[in-house]
Amino acid sequence: MRRNTGRSADPWRDFFDMSPWGGSLMQRGSSLPAVNISEDKDNYLVDVVAPGFRKEDFRLKVDDDILTISAESKHEEQEGGNGREYSRREYSYSSFTRSFRLPDNAQDDNIRAGYHDGVLEITIPKAGDQVKASKEINID
Protein backbone atom coordinates (compact mmCIF):
# COMPACT_ATOMS: atom_id res chain seq x y z
CA MET A 1 0.00 0.00 0.00
CA ARG A 2 1.38 3.38 -0.99
CA ARG A 3 1.25 6.14 1.59
CA ASN A 4 -0.14 9.53 0.57
CA THR A 5 2.46 12.13 1.50
CA GLY A 6 0.18 15.05 0.67
CA ARG A 7 2.53 16.29 -2.07
CA SER A 8 1.16 17.00 -5.49
CA ALA A 9 3.00 15.98 -8.63
CA ASP A 10 5.35 18.94 -8.82
CA PRO A 11 8.34 18.78 -11.20
CA TRP A 12 10.14 21.40 -9.07
CA ARG A 13 10.13 19.17 -5.97
CA ASP A 14 13.07 17.17 -7.36
CA PHE A 15 14.66 20.40 -8.57
CA PHE A 16 15.00 21.53 -4.94
CA ASP A 17 15.31 18.20 -3.10
CA MET A 18 18.72 16.80 -3.97
CA SER A 19 19.59 15.31 -0.59
CA PRO A 20 19.92 11.50 -0.75
CA TRP A 21 17.92 11.39 2.48
CA GLY A 22 14.96 13.19 0.93
CA GLY A 23 15.37 16.51 2.73
CA SER A 24 15.96 19.83 1.07
CA LEU A 25 19.49 21.16 0.90
CA MET A 26 18.13 24.65 1.61
CA GLN A 27 18.51 24.78 5.37
CA ARG A 28 18.22 27.78 7.65
CA GLY A 29 21.50 29.13 8.95
CA SER A 30 23.56 27.72 6.11
CA SER A 31 25.99 29.83 4.13
CA LEU A 32 24.43 28.85 0.82
CA PRO A 33 23.24 31.74 -1.32
CA ALA A 34 19.52 32.26 -1.79
CA VAL A 35 18.06 30.90 -5.03
CA ASN A 36 14.88 32.09 -6.76
CA ILE A 37 13.40 29.88 -9.46
CA SER A 38 10.66 30.94 -11.82
CA GLU A 39 9.47 30.07 -15.29
CA ASP A 40 7.77 31.56 -18.28
CA LYS A 41 6.38 29.73 -21.30
CA ASP A 42 9.84 29.30 -22.89
CA ASN A 43 12.37 29.14 -20.04
CA TYR A 44 13.15 28.22 -16.47
CA LEU A 45 14.90 31.14 -14.75
CA VAL A 46 17.26 30.64 -11.81
CA ASP A 47 18.61 33.63 -9.87
CA VAL A 48 21.42 32.95 -7.38
CA VAL A 49 21.94 35.87 -5.00
CA ALA A 50 25.71 35.88 -4.44
CA PRO A 51 27.10 39.38 -3.83
CA GLY A 52 30.83 39.77 -3.26
CA PHE A 53 31.82 37.33 -5.96
CA ARG A 54 33.19 38.15 -9.40
CA LYS A 55 32.04 36.54 -12.62
CA GLU A 56 35.36 34.66 -12.78
CA ASP A 57 34.70 33.05 -9.38
CA PHE A 58 31.75 30.98 -10.67
CA ARG A 59 31.71 27.59 -12.32
CA LEU A 60 28.54 26.18 -13.85
CA LYS A 61 28.34 22.63 -15.10
CA VAL A 62 25.55 20.38 -16.33
CA ASP A 63 25.93 16.62 -16.33
CA ASP A 64 23.25 13.92 -16.51
CA ASP A 65 20.40 16.40 -15.81
CA ILE A 66 22.20 17.84 -12.77
CA LEU A 67 23.04 21.56 -12.81
CA THR A 68 25.93 22.32 -10.45
CA ILE A 69 26.67 25.91 -9.47
CA SER A 70 29.85 26.60 -7.54
CA ALA A 71 31.91 29.63 -6.64
CA GLU A 72 35.15 30.26 -4.83
CA SER A 73 36.58 33.64 -3.83
CA LYS A 74 39.89 34.33 -2.11
CA HIS A 75 40.97 37.77 -0.97
CA GLU A 76 44.11 38.90 0.83
CA GLU A 77 44.71 42.37 2.19
CA GLN A 78 48.03 43.57 3.58
CA GLU A 79 48.72 46.79 5.46
CA GLY A 80 51.90 48.30 6.75
CA GLY A 81 53.58 51.64 7.03
CA ASN A 82 53.53 54.59 9.45
CA GLY A 83 57.21 53.96 10.14
CA ARG A 84 56.41 50.77 12.02
CA GLU A 85 57.69 47.35 11.23
CA TYR A 86 54.50 45.41 11.27
CA SER A 87 52.23 43.85 8.79
CA ARG A 88 48.61 42.92 9.05
CA ARG A 89 47.15 40.39 6.72
CA GLU A 90 43.54 39.55 6.47
CA TYR A 91 42.43 36.57 4.48
CA SER A 92 38.95 36.01 3.22
CA TYR A 93 37.73 32.81 1.64
CA SER A 94 34.19 32.13 0.48
CA SER A 95 32.88 29.15 -1.42
CA PHE A 96 29.69 27.25 -2.08
CA THR A 97 28.32 24.51 -4.28
CA ARG A 98 24.66 23.96 -5.11
CA SER A 99 23.25 21.21 -7.30
CA PHE A 100 19.79 20.91 -8.81
CA ARG A 101 18.08 18.18 -10.81
CA LEU A 102 16.71 19.74 -13.99
CA PRO A 103 13.12 19.13 -15.11
CA ASP A 104 12.61 16.55 -17.88
CA ASN A 105 11.86 19.18 -20.52
CA ALA A 106 15.01 21.28 -19.93
CA GLN A 107 17.37 21.84 -22.86
CA ASP A 108 20.61 20.97 -21.04
CA ASP A 109 22.70 21.88 -24.09
CA ASN A 110 21.46 25.49 -24.37
CA ILE A 111 21.76 26.90 -20.81
CA ARG A 112 22.90 30.54 -20.60
CA ALA A 113 24.19 32.52 -17.61
CA GLY A 114 25.17 36.07 -16.71
CA TYR A 115 26.34 37.76 -13.51
CA HIS A 116 25.14 41.30 -12.81
CA ASP A 117 24.89 43.34 -9.58
CA GLY A 118 25.54 40.36 -7.30
CA VAL A 119 23.01 38.05 -8.95
CA LEU A 120 23.92 35.06 -11.12
CA GLU A 121 21.10 34.76 -13.67
CA ILE A 122 20.70 31.35 -15.33
CA THR A 123 18.29 30.74 -18.21
CA ILE A 124 17.33 27.15 -18.99
CA PRO A 125 15.26 26.84 -22.18
CA LYS A 126 12.33 24.44 -22.25
CA ALA A 127 12.07 21.82 -24.99
CA GLY A 128 9.35 19.58 -26.30
CA ASP A 129 11.70 16.62 -25.93
CA GLN A 130 14.38 16.16 -23.32
CA VAL A 131 17.82 17.30 -24.47
CA LYS A 132 20.72 16.07 -22.34
CA ALA A 133 24.26 17.41 -22.34
CA SER A 134 27.46 17.36 -20.32
CA LYS A 135 29.37 20.64 -20.45
CA GLU A 136 30.57 23.72 -18.63
CA ILE A 137 28.49 26.85 -19.06
CA ASN A 138 30.11 30.22 -19.83
CA ILE A 139 28.98 33.23 -17.79
CA ASP A 140 28.46 36.51 -19.63
C-alpha atoms as a PDB file:
ATOM      1  CA  MET A   1       0.000   0.000   0.000  1.00  0.00           C
ATOM      2  CA  ARG A   2       1.376   3.377  -0.992  1.00  0.00           C
ATOM      3  CA  ARG A   3       1.254   6.144   1.585  1.00  0.00           C
ATOM      4  CA  ASN A   4      -0.140   9.526   0.567  1.00  0.00           C
ATOM      5  CA  THR A   5       2.461  12.133   1.501  1.00  0.00           C
ATOM      6  CA  GLY A   6       0.179  15.052   0.667  1.00  0.00           C
ATOM      7  CA  ARG A   7       2.529  16.286  -2.072  1.00  0.00           C
ATOM      8  CA  SER A   8       1.159  17.003  -5.488  1.00  0.00           C
ATOM      9  CA  ALA A   9       2.998  15.977  -8.634  1.00  0.00           C
ATOM     10  CA  ASP A  10       5.351  18.939  -8.819  1.00  0.00           C
ATOM     11  CA  PRO A  11       8.343  18.780 -11.199  1.00  0.00           C
ATOM     12  CA  TRP A  12      10.137  21.397  -9.066  1.00  0.00           C
ATOM     13  CA  ARG A  13      10.134  19.171  -5.974  1.00  0.00           C
ATOM     14  CA  ASP A  14      13.068  17.172  -7.361  1.00  0.00           C
ATOM     15  CA  PHE A  15      14.663  20.402  -8.573  1.00  0.00           C
ATOM     16  CA  PHE A  16      15.003  21.525  -4.945  1.00  0.00           C
ATOM     17  CA  ASP A  17      15.312  18.205  -3.096  1.00  0.00           C
ATOM     18  CA  MET A  18      18.720  16.802  -3.972  1.00  0.00           C
ATOM     19  CA  SER A  19      19.587  15.306  -0.591  1.00  0.00           C
ATOM     20  CA  PRO A  20      19.921  11.503  -0.749  1.00  0.00           C
ATOM     21  CA  TRP A  21      17.917  11.386   2.481  1.00  0.00           C
ATOM     22  CA  GLY A  22      14.960  13.192   0.929  1.00  0.00           C
ATOM     23  CA  GLY A  23      15.370  16.505   2.733  1.00  0.00           C
ATOM     24  CA  SER A  24      15.963  19.827   1.074  1.00  0.00           C
ATOM     25  CA  LEU A  25      19.492  21.162   0.905  1.00  0.00           C
ATOM     26  CA  MET A  26      18.132  24.650   1.606  1.00  0.00           C
ATOM     27  CA  GLN A  27      18.509  24.779   5.369  1.00  0.00           C
ATOM     28  CA  ARG A  28      18.224  27.784   7.650  1.00  0.00           C
ATOM     29  CA  GLY A  29      21.500  29.131   8.949  1.00  0.00           C
ATOM     30  CA  SER A  30      23.564  27.721   6.110  1.00  0.00           C
ATOM     31  CA  SER A  31      25.988  29.825   4.130  1.00  0.00           C
ATOM     32  CA  LEU A  32      24.429  28.852   0.821  1.00  0.00           C
ATOM     33  CA  PRO A  33      23.239  31.740  -1.325  1.00  0.00           C
ATOM     34  CA  ALA A  34      19.520  32.262  -1.795  1.00  0.00           C
ATOM     35  CA  VAL A  35      18.056  30.904  -5.027  1.00  0.00           C
ATOM     36  CA  ASN A  36      14.884  32.093  -6.755  1.00  0.00           C
ATOM     37  CA  ILE A  37      13.403  29.879  -9.458  1.00  0.00           C
ATOM     38  CA  SER A  38      10.658  30.941 -11.821  1.00  0.00           C
ATOM     39  CA  GLU A  39       9.467  30.072 -15.287  1.00  0.00           C
ATOM     40  CA  ASP A  40       7.769  31.562 -18.282  1.00  0.00           C
ATOM     41  CA  LYS A  41       6.385  29.727 -21.298  1.00  0.00           C
ATOM     42  CA  ASP A  42       9.844  29.301 -22.891  1.00  0.00           C
ATOM     43  CA  ASN A  43      12.372  29.144 -20.041  1.00  0.00           C
ATOM     44  CA  TYR A  44      13.154  28.224 -16.467  1.00  0.00           C
ATOM     45  CA  LEU A  45      14.898  31.136 -14.750  1.00  0.00           C
ATOM     46  CA  VAL A  46      17.258  30.636 -11.814  1.00  0.00           C
ATOM     47  CA  ASP A  47      18.615  33.627  -9.870  1.00  0.00           C
ATOM     48  CA  VAL A  48      21.417  32.949  -7.381  1.00  0.00           C
ATOM     49  CA  VAL A  49      21.936  35.870  -4.998  1.00  0.00           C
ATOM     50  CA  ALA A  50      25.712  35.879  -4.438  1.00  0.00           C
ATOM     51  CA  PRO A  51      27.104  39.380  -3.829  1.00  0.00           C
ATOM     52  CA  GLY A  52      30.825  39.772  -3.256  1.00  0.00           C
ATOM     53  CA  PHE A  53      31.817  37.335  -5.962  1.00  0.00           C
ATOM     54  CA  ARG A  54      33.190  38.150  -9.401  1.00  0.00           C
ATOM     55  CA  LYS A  55      32.042  36.544 -12.623  1.00  0.00           C
ATOM     56  CA  GLU A  56      35.358  34.657 -12.784  1.00  0.00           C
ATOM     57  CA  ASP A  57      34.701  33.051  -9.376  1.00  0.00           C
ATOM     58  CA  PHE A  58      31.750  30.982 -10.665  1.00  0.00           C
ATOM     59  CA  ARG A  59      31.710  27.594 -12.317  1.00  0.00           C
ATOM     60  CA  LEU A  60      28.535  26.178 -13.851  1.00  0.00           C
ATOM     61  CA  LYS A  61      28.342  22.631 -15.097  1.00  0.00           C
ATOM     62  CA  VAL A  62      25.554  20.382 -16.328  1.00  0.00           C
ATOM     63  CA  ASP A  63      25.933  16.617 -16.334  1.00  0.00           C
ATOM     64  CA  ASP A  64      23.247  13.921 -16.510  1.00  0.00           C
ATOM     65  CA  ASP A  65      20.403  16.395 -15.814  1.00  0.00           C
ATOM     66  CA  ILE A  66      22.196  17.839 -12.768  1.00  0.00           C
ATOM     67  CA  LEU A  67      23.039  21.559 -12.814  1.00  0.00           C
ATOM     68  CA  THR A  68      25.931  22.323 -10.450  1.00  0.00           C
ATOM     69  CA  ILE A  69      26.667  25.908  -9.470  1.00  0.00           C
ATOM     70  CA  SER A  70      29.846  26.595  -7.536  1.00  0.00           C
ATOM     71  CA  ALA A  71      31.909  29.626  -6.642  1.00  0.00           C
ATOM     72  CA  GLU A  72      35.154  30.264  -4.830  1.00  0.00           C
ATOM     73  CA  SER A  73      36.580  33.636  -3.828  1.00  0.00           C
ATOM     74  CA  LYS A  74      39.893  34.334  -2.115  1.00  0.00           C
ATOM     75  CA  HIS A  75      40.971  37.770  -0.966  1.00  0.00           C
ATOM     76  CA  GLU A  76      44.109  38.896   0.833  1.00  0.00           C
ATOM     77  CA  GLU A  77      44.705  42.372   2.186  1.00  0.00           C
ATOM     78  CA  GLN A  78      48.029  43.573   3.582  1.00  0.00           C
ATOM     79  CA  GLU A  79      48.715  46.788   5.464  1.00  0.00           C
ATOM     80  CA  GLY A  80      51.901  48.304   6.750  1.00  0.00           C
ATOM     81  CA  GLY A  81      53.580  51.644   7.025  1.00  0.00           C
ATOM     82  CA  ASN A  82      53.527  54.591   9.447  1.00  0.00           C
ATOM     83  CA  GLY A  83      57.212  53.964  10.140  1.00  0.00           C
ATOM     84  CA  ARG A  84      56.409  50.775  12.024  1.00  0.00           C
ATOM     85  CA  GLU A  85      57.687  47.347  11.226  1.00  0.00           C
ATOM     86  CA  TYR A  86      54.501  45.405  11.269  1.00  0.00           C
ATOM     87  CA  SER A  87      52.228  43.854   8.792  1.00  0.00           C
ATOM     88  CA  ARG A  88      48.606  42.924   9.053  1.00  0.00           C
ATOM     89  CA  ARG A  89      47.154  40.386   6.724  1.00  0.00           C
ATOM     90  CA  GLU A  90      43.537  39.545   6.467  1.00  0.00           C
ATOM     91  CA  TYR A  91      42.434  36.568   4.477  1.00  0.00           C
ATOM     92  CA  SER A  92      38.945  36.008   3.223  1.00  0.00           C
ATOM     93  CA  TYR A  93      37.734  32.805   1.638  1.00  0.00           C
ATOM     94  CA  SER A  94      34.187  32.132   0.476  1.00  0.00           C
ATOM     95  CA  SER A  95      32.875  29.154  -1.422  1.00  0.00           C
ATOM     96  CA  PHE A  96      29.690  27.251  -2.079  1.00  0.00           C
ATOM     97  CA  THR A  97      28.317  24.511  -4.275  1.00  0.00           C
ATOM     98  CA  ARG A  98      24.656  23.961  -5.112  1.00  0.00           C
ATOM     99  CA  SER A  99      23.252  21.205  -7.300  1.00  0.00           C
ATOM    100  CA  PHE A 100      19.791  20.915  -8.815  1.00  0.00           C
ATOM    101  CA  ARG A 101      18.076  18.183 -10.815  1.00  0.00           C
ATOM    102  CA  LEU A 102      16.708  19.739 -13.987  1.00  0.00           C
ATOM    103  CA  PRO A 103      13.118  19.130 -15.109  1.00  0.00           C
ATOM    104  CA  ASP A 104      12.615  16.551 -17.882  1.00  0.00           C
ATOM    105  CA  ASN A 105      11.855  19.176 -20.518  1.00  0.00           C
ATOM    106  CA  ALA A 106      15.008  21.275 -19.932  1.00  0.00           C
ATOM    107  CA  GLN A 107      17.373  21.843 -22.857  1.00  0.00           C
ATOM    108  CA  ASP A 108      20.608  20.973 -21.044  1.00  0.00           C
ATOM    109  CA  ASP A 109      22.698  21.877 -24.091  1.00  0.00           C
ATOM    110  CA  ASN A 110      21.461  25.487 -24.367  1.00  0.00           C
ATOM    111  CA  ILE A 111      21.763  26.900 -20.811  1.00  0.00           C
ATOM    112  CA  ARG A 112      22.903  30.539 -20.599  1.00  0.00           C
ATOM    113  CA  ALA A 113      24.192  32.516 -17.610  1.00  0.00           C
ATOM    114  CA  GLY A 114      25.167  36.069 -16.709  1.00  0.00           C
ATOM    115  CA  TYR A 115      26.343  37.765 -13.510  1.00  0.00           C
ATOM    116  CA  HIS A 116      25.135  41.297 -12.809  1.00  0.00           C
ATOM    117  CA  ASP A 117      24.892  43.339  -9.581  1.00  0.00           C
ATOM    118  CA  GLY A 118      25.538  40.363  -7.295  1.00  0.00           C
ATOM    119  CA  VAL A 119      23.013  38.045  -8.955  1.00  0.00           C
ATOM    120  CA  LEU A 120      23.918  35.057 -11.122  1.00  0.00           C
ATOM    121  CA  GLU A 121      21.096  34.756 -13.674  1.00  0.00           C
ATOM    122  CA  ILE A 122      20.705  31.351 -15.330  1.00  0.00           C
ATOM    123  CA  THR A 123      18.291  30.745 -18.209  1.00  0.00           C
ATOM    124  CA  ILE A 124      17.332  27.154 -18.985  1.00  0.00           C
ATOM    125  CA  PRO A 125      15.262  26.839 -22.183  1.00  0.00           C
ATOM    126  CA  LYS A 126      12.332  24.441 -22.255  1.00  0.00           C
ATOM    127  CA  ALA A 127      12.072  21.822 -24.988  1.00  0.00           C
ATOM    128  CA  GLY A 128       9.346  19.579 -26.301  1.00  0.00           C
ATOM    129  CA  ASP A 129      11.701  16.618 -25.928  1.00  0.00           C
ATOM    130  CA  GLN A 130      14.382  16.158 -23.323  1.00  0.00           C
ATOM    131  CA  VAL A 131      17.821  17.295 -24.475  1.00  0.00           C
ATOM    132  CA  LYS A 132      20.722  16.066 -22.337  1.00  0.00           C
ATOM    133  CA  ALA A 133      24.259  17.410 -22.343  1.00  0.00           C
ATOM    134  CA  SER A 134      27.455  17.360 -20.323  1.00  0.00           C
ATOM    135  CA  LYS A 135      29.367  20.637 -20.453  1.00  0.00           C
ATOM    136  CA  GLU A 136      30.572  23.722 -18.631  1.00  0.00           C
ATOM    137  CA  ILE A 137      28.487  26.851 -19.064  1.00  0.00           C
ATOM    138  CA  ASN A 138      30.113  30.224 -19.825  1.00  0.00           C
ATOM    139  CA  ILE A 139      28.984  33.232 -17.793  1.00  0.00           C
ATOM    140  CA  ASP A 140      28.459  36.510 -19.627  1.00  0.00           C
END
